[in-house]
Amino acid sequence: MQTPREILADLWISAGGEPAALDAVTLTGEEPQLPSSFRVAAAAQASIAAAGLAAAHIWKLRSGQGQDVAVDMRHAVVECRSERYLRVDGKPPPPAWDVIAGVYKTRDRRFVRLHTNFPHHREAVCRVLNCKAERDDVQAALMQWDAEAFETAAYAAGGVVAMMRSHDEWSDLPHASALAALPLITIEKIGEAAPKPWPAGDRPLADLRVLDLSRVIAGPVAGRTLAAHGADVLLISGPDLPAIPWLTIDTGRGKLTSFVELKSEQGRGVLRDLLATADIFSQGYRPRALANLGFSPEEAARINPGIVFASLSAYGHAGPWAERRGFDSLVQTTTGFNHAEGQAAGVDGPKELPAQMLDHATGYLMAFGAMMAKARQGSEGGSWHVRVSLAQTGRWLWNLGRVADGLKTEDLTGEAVSPFVEEVASGFGPLRSIRHSAELSKTPAFWVRPAMPLGSHPPQW
């Protein structure tokens, strides 16, 4: 089984990093840190360290100075549950899930998981089941369905659900075979452009402009990470797009936030103007969704030659499920994690990972890929497309191996988490939140801007 340092080395070298740069990295802590049979702590540490090392690499390109990077495993895994530990004016988070979200049995004695935190997803499920949005009603209706037939029908109706599969069942699907042919992070040159000179600045990403078009966890974590290393991050949302307020606060640290209505020509014009002077365009829409609005990676490269376009999806860009909506909890269910954790715990049914690890690790890997592509743009030129997905991150995590008796690990207490908490002001009141866990010796990571309510700023740099 690979050590965390070997996992990091694979990430770093696969993205084009020089092996010698790894000498500057210190990784502390030991597995396990959380109750899981999977290597969630190693995945947290390696993905965050990769992003920190990429920031240090860019700083060296800009300044000529090397620096040390250190990541503590416990701090990293706590940061991958940052939304749990957020306190706003001393108050803990509200319930994370909608009333009918969660696991249900079906007629064929299988399990399905519903994700209904957004109203239109809840309505789609209830439309298919022809029932009220009450748990007992949903369960009764699902006893008239076989799991896979419901999964198919719900997706066709615009719902977001998952049938629980074993890893073997998942691996037998054509989509899993398509993903197996892809790298964890795809970094692809998609156009010609001159290298962009690095601006002046005293941080790795100072004066680099990032457009962040993402919601929930993975994409917003990528933007938050880039902001932690000094990037100018502008979160673009829409006044009618549903959001999860607690996550917006946690991942909004370091960002400006504006509303732009992309369904209108005027709004698309605003986004084109912002894109024209951006360095990184980071987005979490389904494949082709932005392309239909005129913002495909190739169109972005035409508007702004030299752009780094980073795309996040649930199930990857190849294979029959490429267009399928999804969230961390559903990808865990579909790809075998819930089944495997349940078996390891002796539970008859699904058991979740102890963190939204696919989301968080994918966010750090997305930031890592974007920074490595930006470094290549600065030396080679070109426009670049970076692609990550929750399912590919899941495949990576699965292949890291299992932790014997990992589920016997005690969960982290408040006392264990408190060293990683900082108190900051925000547009929501005083925040107690988790500091970034990658420690850079010359350019410490921190957020300059406070988290603010969506739409607080004009859509301009």
Protein backbone atom coordinates (compact mmCIF):
# COMPACT_ATOMS: atom_id res chain seq x y z
CA MET A 1 0.00 0.00 0.00
CA GLN A 2 1.35 3.43 -0.92
CA THR A 3 2.39 5.91 1.73
CA PRO A 4 0.81 9.40 1.63
CA ARG A 5 4.09 10.72 0.21
CA GLU A 6 4.00 8.15 -2.59
CA ILE A 7 0.36 9.05 -3.30
CA LEU A 8 1.37 12.71 -3.53
CA ALA A 9 4.33 11.88 -5.76
CA ASP A 10 2.03 10.08 -8.20
CA LEU A 11 -0.34 13.07 -8.32
CA TRP A 12 2.50 15.53 -8.76
CA ILE A 13 4.41 13.67 -11.46
CA SER A 14 1.27 12.72 -13.41
CA ALA A 15 0.44 16.45 -13.72
CA GLY A 16 3.91 17.29 -15.03
CA GLY A 17 5.61 18.27 -11.77
CA GLU A 18 9.35 17.86 -11.31
CA PRO A 19 10.15 15.06 -8.83
CA ALA A 20 12.77 17.22 -7.08
CA ALA A 21 10.05 19.61 -5.90
CA LEU A 22 8.73 16.89 -3.59
CA ASP A 23 11.82 17.30 -1.39
CA ALA A 24 10.28 20.51 -0.01
CA VAL A 25 7.17 18.73 1.31
CA THR A 26 6.63 17.52 4.88
CA LEU A 27 3.63 15.31 5.62
CA THR A 28 2.82 14.60 9.28
CA GLY A 29 0.23 12.41 10.99
CA GLU A 30 -0.86 8.80 10.70
CA GLU A 31 -3.88 6.88 9.51
CA PRO A 32 -6.62 6.34 10.44
CA GLN A 33 -8.08 9.67 11.56
CA LEU A 34 -11.78 8.97 11.00
CA PRO A 35 -13.96 5.84 11.29
CA SER A 36 -13.78 4.40 7.77
CA SER A 37 -12.45 1.34 6.01
CA PHE A 38 -11.16 3.67 3.26
CA ARG A 39 -8.08 5.88 3.29
CA VAL A 40 -9.97 9.13 3.61
CA ALA A 41 -7.24 10.83 5.66
CA ALA A 42 -4.50 9.96 3.18
CA ALA A 43 -6.68 11.20 0.32
CA ALA A 44 -7.32 14.46 2.16
CA GLN A 45 -3.65 15.03 2.91
CA ALA A 46 -2.36 14.14 -0.56
CA SER A 47 -4.92 16.22 -2.48
CA ILE A 48 -4.40 19.30 -0.31
CA ALA A 49 -0.61 18.87 -0.43
CA ALA A 50 -0.74 18.64 -4.23
CA ALA A 51 -2.55 21.98 -4.42
CA GLY A 52 -0.11 23.54 -1.94
CA LEU A 53 2.87 22.24 -3.90
CA ALA A 54 1.40 23.67 -7.12
CA ALA A 55 1.08 27.08 -5.44
CA ALA A 56 4.71 26.86 -4.29
CA HIS A 57 5.71 25.89 -7.85
CA ILE A 58 3.98 28.98 -9.25
CA TRP A 59 5.62 31.16 -6.61
CA LYS A 60 9.01 29.85 -7.70
CA LEU A 61 8.19 30.62 -11.34
CA ARG A 62 7.13 34.14 -10.38
CA SER A 63 9.82 35.01 -7.83
CA GLY A 64 12.65 32.52 -8.23
CA GLN A 65 12.19 31.54 -4.58
CA GLY A 66 11.59 28.00 -3.40
CA GLN A 67 9.69 27.31 -0.20
CA ASP A 68 8.64 24.47 2.06
CA VAL A 69 5.15 22.96 2.09
CA ALA A 70 3.77 21.12 5.12
CA VAL A 71 0.40 19.40 5.58
CA ASP A 72 -0.74 17.70 8.76
CA MET A 73 -3.04 14.74 8.14
CA ARG A 74 -5.50 15.54 10.93
CA HIS A 75 -5.79 19.18 9.86
CA ALA A 76 -6.34 18.05 6.25
CA VAL A 77 -9.13 15.62 7.11
CA VAL A 78 -10.77 18.23 9.35
CA GLU A 79 -10.66 20.69 6.47
CA CYS A 80 -12.39 18.06 4.33
CA ARG A 81 -15.30 18.33 6.78
CA SER A 82 -15.04 22.12 7.11
CA GLU A 83 -18.80 22.62 6.68
CA ARG A 84 -19.44 20.57 9.86
CA TYR A 85 -17.28 22.77 12.01
CA LEU A 86 -18.45 26.16 10.74
CA ARG A 87 -20.17 28.30 13.36
CA VAL A 88 -21.99 31.51 12.48
CA ASP A 89 -22.38 33.83 15.44
CA GLY A 90 -21.79 30.76 17.62
CA LYS A 91 -24.57 28.72 16.00
CA PRO A 92 -23.98 25.22 14.54
CA PRO A 93 -25.16 24.23 11.05
CA PRO A 94 -28.84 23.52 10.45
CA PRO A 95 -29.84 20.01 9.29
CA ALA A 96 -27.85 19.23 6.17
CA TRP A 97 -30.55 17.31 4.33
CA ASP A 98 -34.03 17.85 2.98
CA VAL A 99 -36.81 15.92 4.78
CA ILE A 100 -37.11 13.18 2.13
CA ALA A 101 -33.41 12.95 1.24
CA GLY A 102 -31.66 9.71 2.12
CA VAL A 103 -31.91 5.95 1.77
CA TYR A 104 -34.99 3.86 0.95
CA LYS A 105 -35.74 0.22 0.19
CA THR A 106 -37.33 -0.85 -3.08
CA ARG A 107 -39.55 -3.73 -4.14
CA ASP A 108 -36.60 -5.88 -5.25
CA ARG A 109 -34.94 -5.56 -1.79
CA ARG A 110 -32.37 -3.09 -3.08
CA PHE A 111 -31.57 0.38 -1.74
CA VAL A 112 -31.80 3.76 -3.42
CA ARG A 113 -30.57 7.14 -2.22
CA LEU A 114 -32.44 10.35 -3.01
CA HIS A 115 -30.80 13.80 -3.15
CA THR A 116 -33.60 16.35 -2.79
CA ASN A 117 -31.92 19.41 -1.28
CA PHE A 118 -32.87 21.49 -4.33
CA PRO A 119 -36.64 21.97 -4.78
CA HIS A 120 -36.70 20.98 -8.46
CA HIS A 121 -34.96 17.68 -7.66
CA ARG A 122 -37.46 16.94 -4.89
CA GLU A 123 -40.38 17.75 -7.20
CA ALA A 124 -38.99 15.44 -9.91
CA VAL A 125 -38.80 12.50 -7.49
CA CYS A 126 -42.33 13.09 -6.19
CA ARG A 127 -43.62 13.41 -9.75
CA VAL A 128 -42.17 10.01 -10.70
CA LEU A 129 -43.46 8.38 -7.52
CA ASN A 130 -46.78 10.26 -7.62
CA CYS A 131 -46.60 10.91 -3.90
CA LYS A 132 -46.33 13.70 -1.35
CA ALA A 133 -42.93 14.86 -0.06
CA GLU A 134 -43.18 12.85 3.17
CA ARG A 135 -40.80 10.03 4.10
CA ASP A 136 -43.50 7.42 4.71
CA ASP A 137 -45.23 8.26 1.44
CA VAL A 138 -41.97 8.07 -0.49
CA GLN A 139 -41.10 4.70 1.07
CA ALA A 140 -44.54 3.28 0.30
CA ALA A 141 -44.31 4.46 -3.30
CA LEU A 142 -40.83 3.00 -3.75
CA MET A 143 -42.09 -0.44 -2.73
CA GLN A 144 -43.87 -0.43 -6.11
CA TRP A 145 -40.56 0.01 -7.96
CA ASP A 146 -37.44 -2.01 -8.65
CA ALA A 147 -34.34 0.04 -7.83
CA GLU A 148 -32.72 0.30 -11.24
CA ALA A 149 -36.02 1.06 -13.01
CA PHE A 150 -36.67 3.88 -10.53
CA GLU A 151 -33.14 5.23 -10.94
CA THR A 152 -33.60 5.35 -14.72
CA ALA A 153 -37.06 6.93 -14.55
CA ALA A 154 -36.06 9.51 -11.95
CA TYR A 155 -33.05 10.66 -13.97
CA ALA A 156 -35.19 10.94 -17.10
CA ALA A 157 -37.58 13.18 -15.13
CA GLY A 158 -34.79 15.47 -13.88
CA GLY A 159 -34.31 13.87 -10.46
CA VAL A 160 -31.02 13.00 -8.81
CA VAL A 161 -30.99 9.53 -7.26
CA ALA A 162 -28.75 6.47 -7.06
CA MET A 163 -29.21 2.76 -6.71
CA MET A 164 -26.75 1.22 -4.27
CA ARG A 165 -24.33 -1.02 -6.15
CA SER A 166 -21.45 -3.13 -5.00
CA HIS A 167 -18.10 -2.16 -6.44
CA ASP A 168 -18.20 -5.26 -8.65
CA GLU A 169 -21.62 -4.28 -10.00
CA TRP A 170 -20.36 -0.78 -10.70
CA SER A 171 -17.19 -2.10 -12.36
CA ASP A 172 -19.28 -4.21 -14.75
CA LEU A 173 -21.06 -1.15 -16.15
CA PRO A 174 -19.86 0.28 -19.49
CA HIS A 175 -19.49 3.66 -17.83
CA ALA A 176 -16.98 2.36 -15.29
CA SER A 177 -14.95 0.91 -18.16
CA ALA A 178 -14.97 4.32 -19.89
CA LEU A 179 -13.70 6.02 -16.72
CA ALA A 180 -10.97 3.43 -16.26
CA ALA A 181 -9.42 4.66 -19.52
CA LEU A 182 -9.14 8.25 -18.21
CA PRO A 183 -6.51 9.81 -15.95
CA LEU A 184 -7.54 11.14 -12.54
CA ILE A 185 -7.01 14.70 -13.80
CA THR A 186 -7.09 15.50 -17.51
CA ILE A 187 -4.91 18.49 -18.49
CA GLU A 188 -5.26 19.10 -22.22
CA LYS A 189 -4.06 21.88 -24.50
CA ILE A 190 -7.04 23.13 -26.53
CA GLY A 191 -5.68 26.14 -28.40
CA GLU A 192 -2.67 28.23 -29.31
CA ALA A 193 -1.77 31.36 -27.36
CA ALA A 194 1.32 33.25 -26.30
CA PRO A 195 2.50 32.73 -22.72
CA LYS A 196 0.93 35.31 -20.41
CA PRO A 197 3.50 37.16 -18.30
CA TRP A 198 3.11 36.75 -14.56
CA PRO A 199 1.82 39.93 -12.87
CA ALA A 200 3.66 41.51 -9.96
CA GLY A 201 2.47 40.32 -6.59
CA ASP A 202 3.58 38.98 -3.23
CA ARG A 203 1.56 35.71 -3.23
CA PRO A 204 1.55 32.71 -5.60
CA LEU A 205 -1.71 33.64 -7.32
CA ALA A 206 -1.74 37.38 -6.63
CA ASP A 207 -3.52 39.37 -9.37
CA LEU A 208 -4.65 36.20 -11.16
CA ARG A 209 -8.37 36.33 -11.93
CA VAL A 210 -10.60 33.30 -11.38
CA LEU A 211 -14.23 33.03 -12.47
CA ASP A 212 -15.97 30.48 -10.24
CA LEU A 213 -19.25 29.12 -11.65
CA SER A 214 -19.98 26.31 -9.21
CA ARG A 215 -22.23 25.33 -6.31
CA VAL A 216 -22.40 22.96 -3.34
CA ILE A 217 -18.88 21.68 -2.35
CA ALA A 218 -16.32 20.43 -4.89
CA GLY A 219 -16.20 23.37 -7.33
CA PRO A 220 -16.52 25.99 -4.58
CA VAL A 221 -13.68 24.31 -2.62
CA ALA A 222 -11.48 24.65 -5.72
CA GLY A 223 -12.22 28.39 -5.86
CA ARG A 224 -11.70 28.76 -2.11
CA THR A 225 -8.30 27.06 -2.43
CA LEU A 226 -7.19 29.36 -5.25
CA ALA A 227 -8.30 32.33 -3.13
CA ALA A 228 -6.26 30.99 -0.19
CA HIS A 229 -3.15 31.38 -2.33
CA GLY A 230 -3.99 34.94 -3.36
CA ALA A 231 -6.17 34.65 -6.47
CA ASP A 232 -8.89 37.20 -7.20
CA VAL A 233 -11.90 34.86 -7.21
CA LEU A 234 -15.30 36.06 -8.43
CA LEU A 235 -18.16 33.64 -7.74
CA ILE A 236 -20.88 33.94 -10.38
CA SER A 237 -24.34 32.72 -9.41
CA GLY A 238 -27.85 33.48 -10.59
CA PRO A 239 -30.62 35.11 -8.56
CA ASP A 240 -32.91 32.13 -9.25
CA LEU A 241 -30.36 29.33 -8.83
CA PRO A 242 -30.94 27.26 -5.68
CA ALA A 243 -28.08 27.19 -3.20
CA ILE A 244 -27.33 25.60 0.17
CA PRO A 245 -26.71 28.60 2.46
CA TRP A 246 -24.38 26.94 4.96
CA LEU A 247 -22.10 25.65 2.21
CA THR A 248 -22.18 29.06 0.53
CA ILE A 249 -20.79 30.60 3.71
CA ASP A 250 -18.10 27.97 4.25
CA THR A 251 -16.83 27.92 0.66
CA GLY A 252 -17.37 31.65 0.09
CA ARG A 253 -14.38 32.71 2.15
CA GLY A 254 -11.95 34.71 0.01
CA LYS A 255 -14.39 35.41 -2.84
CA LEU A 256 -16.32 38.23 -4.41
CA THR A 257 -19.86 37.13 -5.30
CA SER A 258 -22.09 38.43 -8.09
CA PHE A 259 -25.36 37.54 -9.77
CA VAL A 260 -25.34 37.19 -13.55
CA GLU A 261 -28.41 35.90 -15.41
CA LEU A 262 -26.90 33.65 -18.07
CA LYS A 263 -30.27 32.98 -19.68
CA SER A 264 -30.30 36.58 -20.94
CA GLU A 265 -28.11 37.94 -23.73
CA GLN A 266 -27.18 40.88 -21.53
CA GLY A 267 -26.00 38.51 -18.77
CA ARG A 268 -24.02 36.43 -21.24
CA GLY A 269 -22.40 39.65 -22.44
CA VAL A 270 -21.37 40.47 -18.86
CA LEU A 271 -19.81 37.01 -18.48
CA ARG A 272 -18.00 37.33 -21.82
CA ASP A 273 -16.49 40.64 -20.66
CA LEU A 274 -15.35 39.08 -17.38
CA LEU A 275 -13.95 36.04 -19.19
CA ALA A 276 -11.96 38.23 -21.58
CA THR A 277 -9.58 39.27 -18.79
CA ALA A 278 -9.73 36.14 -16.59
CA ASP A 279 -6.88 33.67 -16.07
CA ILE A 280 -8.91 30.66 -14.87
CA PHE A 281 -12.54 29.76 -15.60
CA SER A 282 -13.66 27.15 -13.07
CA GLN A 283 -17.09 25.60 -13.55
CA GLY A 284 -19.22 22.77 -12.22
CA TYR A 285 -22.09 22.63 -14.69
CA ARG A 286 -22.94 19.40 -16.43
CA PRO A 287 -21.00 18.70 -19.65
CA ARG A 288 -22.39 20.80 -22.49
CA ALA A 289 -24.60 22.97 -20.24
CA LEU A 290 -22.33 26.01 -20.55
CA ALA A 291 -21.50 25.17 -24.16
CA ASN A 292 -25.18 25.67 -24.98
CA LEU A 293 -24.87 29.21 -23.58
CA GLY A 294 -21.77 30.01 -25.64
CA PHE A 295 -19.11 29.18 -23.05
CA SER A 296 -17.58 25.88 -24.13
CA PRO A 297 -13.87 25.49 -23.37
CA GLU A 298 -13.09 26.12 -27.05
CA GLU A 299 -15.28 29.23 -27.16
CA ALA A 300 -13.68 30.49 -23.94
CA ALA A 301 -10.26 30.01 -25.56
CA ARG A 302 -11.46 32.03 -28.56
CA ILE A 303 -12.72 34.85 -26.33
CA ASN A 304 -9.53 34.78 -24.23
CA PRO A 305 -6.57 32.92 -25.77
CA GLY A 306 -4.46 31.54 -22.92
CA ILE A 307 -7.38 30.78 -20.60
CA VAL A 308 -7.26 27.81 -18.23
CA PHE A 309 -10.74 26.25 -18.27
CA ALA A 310 -11.40 23.83 -15.40
CA SER A 311 -14.44 21.53 -15.59
CA LEU A 312 -15.99 19.48 -12.81
CA SER A 313 -18.58 16.77 -13.43
CA ALA A 314 -20.17 14.01 -11.38
CA TYR A 315 -19.44 11.02 -13.60
CA GLY A 316 -16.69 12.20 -15.97
CA HIS A 317 -16.69 13.42 -19.57
CA ALA A 318 -16.63 10.01 -21.30
CA GLY A 319 -19.06 7.11 -21.27
CA PRO A 320 -22.86 6.74 -21.25
CA TRP A 321 -23.30 8.53 -17.90
CA ALA A 322 -21.31 11.64 -18.87
CA GLU A 323 -24.43 13.83 -18.84
CA ARG A 324 -25.81 12.40 -15.59
CA ARG A 325 -26.34 14.74 -12.67
CA GLY A 326 -24.81 13.73 -9.39
CA PHE A 327 -23.53 14.68 -5.97
CA ASP A 328 -20.91 13.14 -3.65
CA SER A 329 -23.44 11.10 -1.65
CA LEU A 330 -24.92 9.60 -4.83
CA VAL A 331 -21.57 8.79 -6.42
CA GLN A 332 -20.57 7.04 -3.16
CA THR A 333 -23.79 5.00 -3.41
CA THR A 334 -23.48 4.13 -7.09
CA THR A 335 -19.80 3.21 -7.20
CA GLY A 336 -19.62 0.82 -4.23
CA PHE A 337 -18.45 2.89 -1.26
CA ASN A 338 -21.73 2.74 0.68
CA HIS A 339 -22.02 -1.01 0.09
CA ALA A 340 -18.40 -1.66 1.11
CA GLU A 341 -18.57 0.50 4.25
CA GLY A 342 -21.85 -1.17 5.18
CA GLN A 343 -20.31 -4.62 4.80
CA ALA A 344 -17.22 -3.59 6.81
CA ALA A 345 -19.50 -2.29 9.58
CA GLY A 346 -21.78 -5.35 9.48
CA VAL A 347 -24.74 -3.19 8.42
CA ASP A 348 -27.52 -4.48 6.18
CA GLY A 349 -27.59 -1.48 3.86
CA PRO A 350 -25.56 1.54 2.90
CA LYS A 351 -23.08 3.31 5.15
CA GLU A 352 -21.64 6.68 4.14
CA LEU A 353 -18.01 7.73 4.28
CA PRO A 354 -17.36 9.92 7.35
CA ALA A 355 -16.78 12.97 5.14
CA GLN A 356 -17.93 14.22 1.75
CA MET A 357 -14.51 13.04 0.64
CA LEU A 358 -15.22 12.77 -3.08
CA ASP A 359 -16.37 16.40 -3.06
CA HIS A 360 -13.52 17.83 -1.03
CA ALA A 361 -10.70 15.84 -2.62
CA THR A 362 -12.06 16.65 -6.10
CA GLY A 363 -12.10 20.34 -5.18
CA TYR A 364 -8.43 20.27 -4.18
CA LEU A 365 -7.51 18.22 -7.25
CA MET A 366 -9.39 20.72 -9.43
CA ALA A 367 -7.42 23.61 -7.93
CA PHE A 368 -4.21 21.59 -8.32
CA GLY A 369 -4.93 20.85 -11.99
CA ALA A 370 -5.83 24.47 -12.69
CA MET A 371 -2.58 25.71 -11.13
CA MET A 372 -0.46 23.16 -12.99
CA ALA A 373 -2.14 24.15 -16.26
CA LYS A 374 -1.58 27.85 -15.46
CA ALA A 375 2.11 27.13 -14.82
CA ARG A 376 2.34 25.42 -18.22
CA GLN A 377 0.55 28.33 -19.87
CA GLY A 378 3.13 30.68 -18.39
CA SER A 379 6.03 28.71 -19.85
CA GLU A 380 4.61 27.04 -22.98
CA GLY A 381 1.66 29.24 -23.87
CA GLY A 382 -1.58 27.73 -25.13
CA SER A 383 -5.12 27.52 -23.79
CA TRP A 384 -5.82 24.60 -21.46
CA HIS A 385 -8.73 22.45 -20.35
CA VAL A 386 -8.58 20.69 -16.97
CA ARG A 387 -11.19 18.03 -16.18
CA VAL A 388 -11.99 16.28 -12.91
CA SER A 389 -15.00 14.30 -11.70
CA LEU A 390 -16.37 12.90 -8.47
CA ALA A 391 -16.42 9.40 -9.96
CA GLN A 392 -12.78 9.57 -11.02
CA THR A 393 -11.78 10.78 -7.57
CA GLY A 394 -13.80 7.88 -6.16
CA ARG A 395 -11.91 5.45 -8.39
CA TRP A 396 -8.63 6.94 -7.12
CA LEU A 397 -9.72 6.71 -3.48
CA TRP A 398 -10.86 3.10 -3.94
CA ASN A 399 -7.52 2.15 -5.46
CA LEU A 400 -5.60 3.60 -2.51
CA GLY A 401 -6.66 0.51 -0.56
CA ARG A 402 -8.50 -0.18 2.68
CA VAL A 403 -7.76 0.34 6.38
CA ALA A 404 -8.09 -2.81 8.47
CA ASP A 405 -10.37 -2.12 11.45
CA GLY A 406 -10.57 1.50 10.33
CA LEU A 407 -14.23 1.66 11.34
CA LYS A 408 -13.20 1.09 14.96
CA THR A 409 -11.45 4.48 14.98
CA GLU A 410 -13.00 7.05 17.31
CA ASP A 411 -14.42 10.07 15.53
CA LEU A 412 -12.70 13.39 16.12
CA THR A 413 -13.84 15.40 19.14
CA GLY A 414 -14.21 19.16 19.35
CA GLU A 415 -10.99 19.23 21.35
CA ALA A 416 -9.14 17.53 18.47
CA VAL A 417 -10.51 20.04 15.97
CA SER A 418 -10.03 23.27 17.95
CA PRO A 419 -6.34 23.84 16.98
CA PHE A 420 -7.43 24.29 13.35
CA VAL A 421 -10.19 26.84 13.98
CA GLU A 422 -9.90 30.56 13.27
CA GLU A 423 -12.34 33.35 14.10
CA VAL A 424 -13.09 35.85 11.33
CA ALA A 425 -15.69 38.44 10.44
CA SER A 426 -18.12 37.90 7.57
CA GLY A 427 -21.22 39.29 5.94
CA PHE A 428 -23.19 36.72 7.97
CA GLY A 429 -21.74 37.61 11.37
CA PRO A 430 -18.67 36.28 13.22
CA LEU A 431 -17.44 32.96 11.84
CA ARG A 432 -15.54 30.14 13.49
CA SER A 433 -14.12 28.22 10.57
CA ILE A 434 -11.31 25.86 9.61
CA ARG A 435 -8.00 27.34 8.47
CA HIS A 436 -6.41 26.04 5.28
CA SER A 437 -4.18 23.07 6.10
CA ALA A 438 -1.38 23.55 3.54
CA GLU A 439 1.35 25.57 5.26
CA LEU A 440 3.74 27.37 2.91
CA SER A 441 6.87 28.76 4.53
CA LYS A 442 7.19 32.00 2.49
CA THR A 443 3.64 32.66 1.28
CA PRO A 444 1.19 31.49 3.97
CA ALA A 445 -2.28 30.57 2.78
CA PHE A 446 -5.11 32.80 4.04
CA TRP A 447 -8.28 34.50 2.82
CA VAL A 448 -8.26 38.27 2.39
CA ARG A 449 -11.98 38.67 1.68
CA PRO A 450 -14.75 37.65 4.11
CA ALA A 451 -17.58 35.32 3.09
CA MET A 452 -20.53 37.41 1.91
CA PRO A 453 -24.13 36.73 0.88
CA LEU A 454 -24.53 35.69 -2.75
CA GLY A 455 -24.80 38.64 -5.12
CA SER A 456 -23.11 41.11 -2.70
CA HIS A 457 -20.76 42.58 -5.33
CA PRO A 458 -21.13 44.02 -8.82
CA PRO A 459 -20.01 41.65 -11.60
CA GLN A 460 -16.65 43.28 -12.20
CA TRP A 461 -13.03 42.68 -11.33
